[in-house]
Amino acid sequence: MKTNILKYSLLTAITLMLVTSCVSEDDYALPTYKKVVLSENFESSPHGSGSNEVPVNLEGWVNVNLGTGTRVWGVKQYDNNKFAEFS
């Protein structure tokens, strides 16, 4: 009796897996492309180096620390490329 229940349970589980599995058309669906909303390369911003931090100050940006400290995003330069850094 236990063997029959186990067989029927296994058969039911396999059947459910086959019925509810992924549809083949969805397996290779690509996500929709989203346009970049914001882009900034920081090349027009003054930069700091080492412990000399120059805060990011760009039009439309709000540079604020919501934690307990006072540090904010700063502009740094490496290999003639400027970037924003927070540490």
Protein backbone atom coordinates (compact mmCIF):
# COMPACT_ATOMS: atom_id res chain seq x y z
CA MET A 1 0.00 0.00 0.00
CA LYS A 2 2.78 2.45 0.93
CA THR A 3 4.55 1.60 -2.33
CA ASN A 4 1.46 2.53 -4.36
CA ILE A 5 1.04 5.83 -2.53
CA LEU A 6 4.70 6.63 -3.13
CA LYS A 7 4.39 5.77 -6.83
CA TYR A 8 1.26 7.91 -7.28
CA SER A 9 2.82 10.81 -5.37
CA LEU A 10 5.94 10.63 -7.54
CA LEU A 11 3.87 10.40 -10.73
CA THR A 12 1.78 13.40 -9.63
CA ALA A 13 4.87 15.46 -8.82
CA ILE A 14 6.48 14.69 -12.20
CA THR A 15 3.24 15.50 -14.02
CA LEU A 16 2.94 18.85 -12.21
CA MET A 17 6.55 19.72 -13.06
CA LEU A 18 5.97 18.99 -16.73
CA VAL A 19 2.72 20.95 -16.87
CA THR A 20 3.99 24.02 -14.98
CA SER A 21 7.49 24.23 -16.47
CA CYS A 22 8.73 27.19 -18.53
CA VAL A 23 7.26 27.77 -21.94
CA SER A 24 9.90 27.36 -24.63
CA GLU A 25 9.19 30.80 -26.13
CA ASP A 26 10.08 32.50 -22.81
CA ASP A 27 13.40 30.70 -22.39
CA TYR A 28 15.25 33.04 -24.74
CA ALA A 29 13.25 36.24 -24.34
CA LEU A 30 15.44 39.34 -24.11
CA PRO A 31 14.64 42.06 -21.59
CA THR A 32 13.38 45.36 -22.92
CA TYR A 33 15.99 48.05 -23.54
CA LYS A 34 15.76 51.03 -21.21
CA LYS A 35 17.19 54.39 -22.18
CA VAL A 36 19.84 55.85 -19.84
CA VAL A 37 18.19 58.55 -17.76
CA LEU A 38 21.30 60.13 -16.30
CA SER A 39 24.90 60.21 -17.44
CA GLU A 40 27.78 62.19 -15.98
CA ASN A 41 31.51 61.86 -16.60
CA PHE A 42 32.63 64.51 -14.06
CA GLU A 43 35.21 65.90 -16.52
CA SER A 44 34.03 69.49 -15.93
CA SER A 45 34.31 69.18 -12.14
CA PRO A 46 37.36 70.18 -10.08
CA HIS A 47 38.99 67.16 -8.47
CA GLY A 48 40.92 66.37 -5.33
CA SER A 49 43.63 63.86 -4.54
CA GLY A 50 44.56 61.87 -1.48
CA SER A 51 42.87 63.27 1.61
CA ASN A 52 42.03 66.52 -0.24
CA GLU A 53 38.37 65.90 -1.06
CA VAL A 54 36.45 68.17 -3.44
CA PRO A 55 32.69 67.56 -3.12
CA VAL A 56 30.65 66.90 -6.25
CA ASN A 57 28.91 70.18 -7.05
CA LEU A 58 26.91 69.83 -10.26
CA GLU A 59 23.68 71.46 -11.36
CA GLY A 60 20.75 69.16 -10.64
CA TRP A 61 22.71 67.04 -8.14
CA VAL A 62 22.04 66.92 -4.41
CA ASN A 63 25.14 65.78 -2.54
CA VAL A 64 24.16 65.02 1.04
CA ASN A 65 25.12 62.44 3.66
CA LEU A 66 22.00 60.91 5.22
CA GLY A 67 24.01 59.11 7.87
CA THR A 68 25.67 60.47 10.99
CA GLY A 69 28.85 61.73 9.30
CA THR A 70 29.67 64.74 7.20
CA ARG A 71 31.40 63.06 4.24
CA VAL A 72 29.78 63.36 0.82
CA TRP A 73 30.58 62.20 -2.73
CA GLY A 74 33.87 63.66 -3.96
CA VAL A 75 35.48 63.99 -7.38
CA LYS A 76 38.81 62.19 -7.85
CA GLN A 77 41.05 61.63 -10.86
CA TYR A 78 42.95 58.53 -11.94
CA ASP A 79 44.74 58.02 -15.25
CA ASN A 80 43.25 61.28 -16.63
CA ASN A 81 39.71 60.07 -15.87
CA LYS A 82 37.53 61.80 -13.30
CA PHE A 83 35.06 59.86 -11.18
CA ALA A 84 32.88 60.28 -8.11
CA GLU A 85 33.97 58.47 -4.96
CA PHE A 86 32.53 57.91 -1.52
CA SER A 87 34.54 56.17 1.14
